Each structure stands twice: as structure tokens, then as C-alpha cells.
N, C-alpha and C. Protein backbone atom coordinates (compact mmCIF):
# COMPACT_ATOMS: atom_id res chain seq x y z
N MET A 1 -150.24 127.01 47.01
CA MET A 1 -149.01 126.14 47.01
C MET A 1 -147.84 126.48 45.83
N ILE A 2 -146.50 126.18 46.16
CA ILE A 2 -145.80 126.34 45.22
C ILE A 2 -145.13 124.78 44.81
N TYR A 3 -144.36 124.70 43.80
CA TYR A 3 -143.53 123.48 43.57
C TYR A 3 -142.10 123.96 43.98
N GLY A 4 -141.34 122.51 44.44
CA GLY A 4 -139.89 122.51 44.36
C GLY A 4 -139.43 121.52 44.31
N THR A 5 -138.03 121.27 44.39
CA THR A 5 -137.56 119.79 44.82
C THR A 5 -136.73 119.99 45.67
N ILE A 6 -136.55 118.95 46.72
CA ILE A 6 -135.54 118.91 47.95
C ILE A 6 -134.37 118.75 47.37
N LYS A 7 -133.63 119.71 47.89
CA LYS A 7 -131.95 119.91 47.59
C LYS A 7 -131.17 118.83 48.29
N TRP A 8 -131.67 119.03 49.46
CA TRP A 8 -131.10 117.81 50.61
C TRP A 8 -131.68 117.79 51.70
N PHE A 9 -131.66 116.62 52.30
CA PHE A 9 -132.46 116.54 53.61
C PHE A 9 -131.37 115.38 54.56
N ASP A 10 -131.65 115.93 55.87
CA ASP A 10 -130.85 114.79 56.91
C ASP A 10 -131.70 114.67 57.45
N LEU A 11 -132.31 112.93 57.49
CA LEU A 11 -133.02 112.41 58.75
C LEU A 11 -132.65 112.48 60.03
N ASN A 12 -131.37 112.37 60.16
CA ASN A 12 -130.99 112.30 61.77
C ASN A 12 -131.23 113.46 62.37
N ARG A 13 -131.06 114.84 61.79
CA ARG A 13 -131.11 115.94 62.34
C ARG A 13 -132.71 116.55 61.88
N GLY A 14 -133.31 116.15 61.04
CA GLY A 14 -134.56 116.55 60.72
C GLY A 14 -134.62 117.96 60.02
N ILE A 15 -133.66 118.25 59.37
CA ILE A 15 -133.74 119.27 58.40
C ILE A 15 -133.19 119.18 57.12
N GLY A 16 -133.74 119.89 56.12
CA GLY A 16 -133.29 120.18 54.76
C GLY A 16 -133.49 121.48 54.36
N VAL A 17 -133.32 121.45 52.76
CA VAL A 17 -133.45 122.78 52.15
C VAL A 17 -134.34 122.17 50.63
N ILE A 18 -135.18 122.99 50.22
CA ILE A 18 -136.06 122.78 49.20
C ILE A 18 -135.65 123.79 48.17
N THR A 19 -135.37 123.75 46.97
CA THR A 19 -135.31 124.75 45.79
C THR A 19 -136.74 124.99 45.42
N THR A 20 -137.06 126.07 45.24
CA THR A 20 -138.40 126.14 44.66
C THR A 20 -138.06 126.29 43.20
N ASP A 21 -139.19 126.37 42.39
CA ASP A 21 -138.99 126.18 40.61
C ASP A 21 -138.53 127.57 40.44
N GLU A 22 -138.77 128.78 41.29
CA GLU A 22 -138.02 129.86 41.04
C GLU A 22 -136.88 130.06 41.40
N GLY A 23 -136.08 129.15 41.75
CA GLY A 23 -134.75 129.21 42.27
C GLY A 23 -134.50 129.63 43.64
N THR A 24 -135.42 129.66 44.62
CA THR A 24 -135.04 130.24 46.04
C THR A 24 -135.03 129.05 46.72
N ASP A 25 -134.14 128.96 47.59
CA ASP A 25 -133.77 127.94 48.69
C ASP A 25 -134.65 128.33 49.96
N VAL A 26 -135.06 127.40 50.64
CA VAL A 26 -136.28 127.52 51.48
C VAL A 26 -135.84 126.41 52.57
N PHE A 27 -135.71 126.99 53.86
CA PHE A 27 -135.53 126.05 54.88
C PHE A 27 -136.56 124.90 55.07
N MET A 28 -136.25 123.76 55.29
CA MET A 28 -137.39 122.73 55.59
C MET A 28 -137.20 121.72 56.74
N PRO A 29 -138.02 122.12 57.56
CA PRO A 29 -137.79 121.33 59.02
C PRO A 29 -138.73 120.13 58.73
N TYR A 30 -138.54 118.77 59.54
CA TYR A 30 -139.15 117.81 59.33
C TYR A 30 -140.69 118.08 59.67
N SER A 31 -141.06 118.92 60.76
CA SER A 31 -142.12 119.38 61.26
C SER A 31 -143.06 119.73 60.07
N ALA A 32 -142.69 120.21 59.03
CA ALA A 32 -143.33 121.02 57.98
C ALA A 32 -143.89 119.71 56.93
N VAL A 33 -143.50 118.59 57.27
CA VAL A 33 -143.81 117.64 56.56
C VAL A 33 -145.08 116.68 56.57
N LEU A 34 -146.12 117.04 55.82
CA LEU A 34 -147.44 116.37 56.01
C LEU A 34 -147.05 114.80 55.48
N SER A 35 -147.85 113.73 55.93
CA SER A 35 -147.13 112.43 55.25
C SER A 35 -147.86 111.97 54.56
N ASN A 36 -148.30 112.75 53.60
CA ASN A 36 -148.64 112.32 52.05
C ASN A 36 -147.65 111.97 51.13
N GLY A 37 -147.23 110.79 51.45
CA GLY A 37 -146.12 110.21 50.31
C GLY A 37 -144.61 110.57 50.55
N LEU A 38 -144.49 111.37 51.70
CA LEU A 38 -143.17 111.77 51.83
C LEU A 38 -142.90 111.60 53.28
N ARG A 39 -142.77 110.67 53.75
CA ARG A 39 -142.41 110.12 55.05
C ARG A 39 -140.76 110.19 55.43
N TYR A 40 -140.06 109.99 54.40
CA TYR A 40 -138.61 109.94 54.29
C TYR A 40 -138.38 110.82 53.44
N PRO A 41 -138.27 112.20 53.49
CA PRO A 41 -137.88 113.17 52.40
C PRO A 41 -136.28 112.63 51.83
N ALA A 42 -136.33 112.90 50.50
CA ALA A 42 -134.93 112.26 49.73
C ALA A 42 -134.70 113.57 49.00
N GLU A 43 -133.25 113.65 48.67
CA GLU A 43 -132.91 114.72 47.62
C GLU A 43 -133.51 114.27 46.06
N GLY A 44 -134.04 115.48 45.32
CA GLY A 44 -134.50 115.22 44.26
C GLY A 44 -135.84 114.96 44.08
N GLN A 45 -136.66 114.92 45.14
CA GLN A 45 -138.23 114.48 45.42
C GLN A 45 -138.72 115.89 45.00
N THR A 46 -139.91 115.90 44.18
CA THR A 46 -140.64 116.84 43.60
C THR A 46 -141.69 117.24 45.09
N VAL A 47 -141.83 118.45 45.56
CA VAL A 47 -142.77 118.68 46.44
C VAL A 47 -143.57 119.84 46.40
N ALA A 48 -144.86 119.88 46.90
CA ALA A 48 -145.62 121.24 46.75
C ALA A 48 -145.48 121.67 48.25
N LEU A 49 -145.48 122.96 48.33
CA LEU A 49 -145.20 123.53 49.74
C LEU A 49 -145.74 124.96 49.92
N GLU A 50 -145.92 125.14 51.03
CA GLU A 50 -146.36 126.75 51.49
C GLU A 50 -145.26 127.20 52.24
N VAL A 51 -144.53 128.45 51.78
CA VAL A 51 -143.66 129.30 52.57
C VAL A 51 -143.98 130.23 53.22
N GLU A 52 -143.27 130.58 54.50
CA GLU A 52 -143.54 131.65 55.43
C GLU A 52 -142.26 132.00 55.61
N PRO A 53 -142.36 133.52 56.14
CA PRO A 53 -140.94 134.15 56.36
C PRO A 53 -140.53 133.73 57.93
N THR A 54 -139.48 133.59 58.10
CA THR A 54 -138.88 133.24 59.67
C THR A 54 -137.66 133.82 59.91
N THR A 55 -137.66 133.94 61.25
CA THR A 55 -135.96 134.62 61.56
C THR A 55 -134.99 133.66 61.42
N HIS A 56 -135.30 132.18 61.24
CA HIS A 56 -134.27 131.22 61.13
C HIS A 56 -133.97 131.61 59.73
N ASN A 57 -132.27 131.67 59.35
CA ASN A 57 -131.89 131.77 57.85
C ASN A 57 -130.71 130.68 57.93
N TYR A 58 -131.02 129.70 57.57
CA TYR A 58 -130.20 128.37 57.97
C TYR A 58 -128.87 128.69 57.17
N MET A 59 -127.70 128.60 57.73
CA MET A 59 -126.50 129.18 57.31
C MET A 59 -126.68 130.26 56.18
N ASN A 60 -127.09 131.27 56.39
CA ASN A 60 -127.37 132.44 55.63
C ASN A 60 -127.69 132.02 53.85
N ALA A 61 -128.56 130.87 53.92
CA ALA A 61 -128.62 130.33 52.63
C ALA A 61 -130.07 130.32 52.27
N THR A 62 -131.01 130.37 53.21
CA THR A 62 -132.34 130.07 52.85
C THR A 62 -133.22 131.35 52.85
N ASN A 63 -132.79 132.73 52.70
CA ASN A 63 -133.25 133.66 52.45
C ASN A 63 -134.45 133.97 53.60
N GLY A 64 -134.35 133.39 54.67
CA GLY A 64 -135.37 133.69 55.61
C GLY A 64 -136.50 133.21 55.50
N LEU A 65 -136.70 132.22 54.74
CA LEU A 65 -138.03 131.51 54.36
C LEU A 65 -138.03 130.23 54.93
N ARG A 66 -138.97 129.85 55.42
CA ARG A 66 -139.33 128.31 56.00
C ARG A 66 -140.63 127.64 55.35
N ALA A 67 -140.37 126.40 54.91
CA ALA A 67 -141.52 125.77 54.49
C ALA A 67 -142.17 125.30 55.36
N ARG A 68 -143.71 125.11 55.07
CA ARG A 68 -144.66 124.68 55.88
C ARG A 68 -145.77 123.78 54.82
N SER A 69 -146.22 122.86 55.50
CA SER A 69 -147.31 121.93 54.61
C SER A 69 -146.67 121.56 53.57
N VAL A 70 -145.59 120.67 53.62
CA VAL A 70 -144.70 120.35 52.56
C VAL A 70 -145.61 118.70 52.36
N VAL A 71 -145.79 118.32 50.75
CA VAL A 71 -146.58 117.08 50.53
C VAL A 71 -145.60 116.71 49.27
N ALA A 72 -145.60 115.38 48.76
CA ALA A 72 -145.08 114.92 47.76
C ALA A 72 -145.83 115.41 46.64
N ALA A 73 -145.59 115.67 45.31
CA ALA A 73 -146.45 115.95 44.46
C ALA A 73 -145.54 115.67 42.94
N GLU A 74 -146.59 115.61 42.25
CA GLU A 74 -145.98 115.67 40.52
C GLU A 74 -146.34 116.73 39.91
N ARG A 75 -145.42 117.19 39.18
CA ARG A 75 -145.63 118.55 38.30
C ARG A 75 -146.43 118.11 36.99
N THR A 76 -147.48 118.61 36.69
CA THR A 76 -148.27 118.78 35.78
C THR A 76 -147.79 119.72 34.62
N THR A 77 -147.89 119.47 33.46
CA THR A 77 -147.91 120.20 32.12
C THR A 77 -148.91 120.65 31.46
N GLY A 78 -149.30 121.57 31.34
CA GLY A 78 -150.46 122.04 30.49
C GLY A 78 -151.85 121.77 31.07
N PRO A 79 -152.91 121.96 30.49
CA PRO A 79 -154.08 121.54 31.03
C PRO A 79 -154.44 119.92 31.23
N GLU A 80 -155.31 119.58 32.17
CA GLU A 80 -155.73 118.27 32.41
C GLU A 80 -156.53 117.58 31.18
N VAL A 81 -155.93 116.76 30.67
CA VAL A 81 -156.63 115.96 29.59
C VAL A 81 -157.66 114.76 30.06
N TRP A 82 -158.63 114.88 29.52
CA TRP A 82 -159.89 113.87 29.85
C TRP A 82 -159.81 113.10 28.73
N THR A 83 -160.10 111.52 29.10
CA THR A 83 -160.43 110.54 27.93
C THR A 83 -162.17 110.89 27.59
N LYS A 84 -162.33 110.20 26.48
CA LYS A 84 -163.59 110.09 26.37
C LYS A 84 -164.83 109.47 27.31
N ALA A 85 -164.30 108.66 27.84
CA ALA A 85 -165.04 107.87 28.79
C ALA A 85 -165.33 108.49 30.23
N GLN A 86 -164.29 109.39 30.39
CA GLN A 86 -164.26 110.54 31.63
C GLN A 86 -165.23 111.74 31.37
N VAL A 87 -165.26 111.93 30.24
CA VAL A 87 -166.29 113.28 29.74
C VAL A 87 -167.75 112.39 29.75
N LEU A 88 -167.94 111.40 29.36
CA LEU A 88 -169.37 110.52 29.09
C LEU A 88 -169.67 110.56 30.61
N ALA A 89 -168.73 109.61 31.62
CA ALA A 89 -169.05 109.53 32.98
C ALA A 89 -169.72 110.83 33.59
N THR A 90 -169.00 111.68 33.60
CA THR A 90 -169.04 113.08 34.06
C THR A 90 -170.59 113.59 33.57
N ARG A 91 -170.74 113.55 32.32
CA ARG A 91 -172.02 114.10 31.88
C ARG A 91 -173.25 112.92 32.10
N GLU A 92 -173.12 111.86 32.26
CA GLU A 92 -174.14 110.95 33.00
C GLU A 92 -174.73 111.56 34.15
N ASN A 93 -173.51 111.99 35.14
CA ASN A 93 -173.86 112.26 36.54
C ASN A 93 -174.43 113.45 36.86
N LEU A 94 -174.65 114.26 35.59
CA LEU A 94 -174.94 115.69 35.79
C LEU A 94 -176.79 115.62 35.78
N SER A 95 -177.28 116.51 36.60
CA SER A 95 -178.63 116.40 36.62
C SER A 95 -179.07 117.33 35.27
N PHE A 96 -180.51 117.17 35.08
CA PHE A 96 -180.92 117.69 33.76
C PHE A 96 -180.75 119.21 33.78
N GLU A 97 -180.78 120.05 35.01
CA GLU A 97 -180.61 121.61 34.93
C GLU A 97 -179.45 121.76 34.55
N GLU A 98 -178.33 120.89 34.93
CA GLU A 98 -176.83 121.28 34.94
C GLU A 98 -176.54 121.12 33.20
N GLN A 99 -177.06 119.97 32.91
CA GLN A 99 -177.20 119.65 31.61
C GLN A 99 -177.34 120.95 30.61
N ALA A 100 -178.69 121.56 31.07
CA ALA A 100 -179.18 122.58 30.19
C ALA A 100 -178.37 123.76 29.95
N GLY A 101 -177.56 124.03 31.21
CA GLY A 101 -176.80 124.94 31.13
C GLY A 101 -177.49 126.09 31.76
């Protein structure tokens, strides 16, 4: 999946455009929206999506690309940081063989 931001979305028409982090505009039909926190897509929301080629090129502006499997997302920066409690809890749940490595 790639990340992007909803450029605009018209709920009445059920279509919109997502701008990917790479700067490419992608056509977004409402049918591509999975219900994970994105029931009413709105301008500026961050999303994760899959992209596929299509013969539909909305207003010659979407590069012949169509979004599918669009879900609300949050961008993360850098590697995940665990607290000491998370590390200890994970270590306690490992079997002896997993701890021995």
C-alpha cells in the first residue's frame, strides 16, 4: 500500500481525487473505500491505498490510475519505538526456545 491525502471528495457524486505522497493524482470512487474509519472521506485526510491502472482518466487529471482498498491511515516517522513495558511483556510471552534464540 502507498500513502496519500484526499485532495477533494464529492459525497453526492461518490468520487474524488487522492494525491499520493509521490505527487501523483489518483481517481477515487467511493466503492474503493473500505469502512476502516473512512465512511465520509474528506479533503485533507491521510489514507493508505492500492492503485491500479484504468481506462477512466477523470478530467485528464488522474493519470489513468484508480484507487482501490482505500483506508484511513496515519503516517509514521521512523521505526516503531517500544516502551520498556512492551519489551518486557513481549519477552515474558516468548517460549524458552524463542528466548534461547
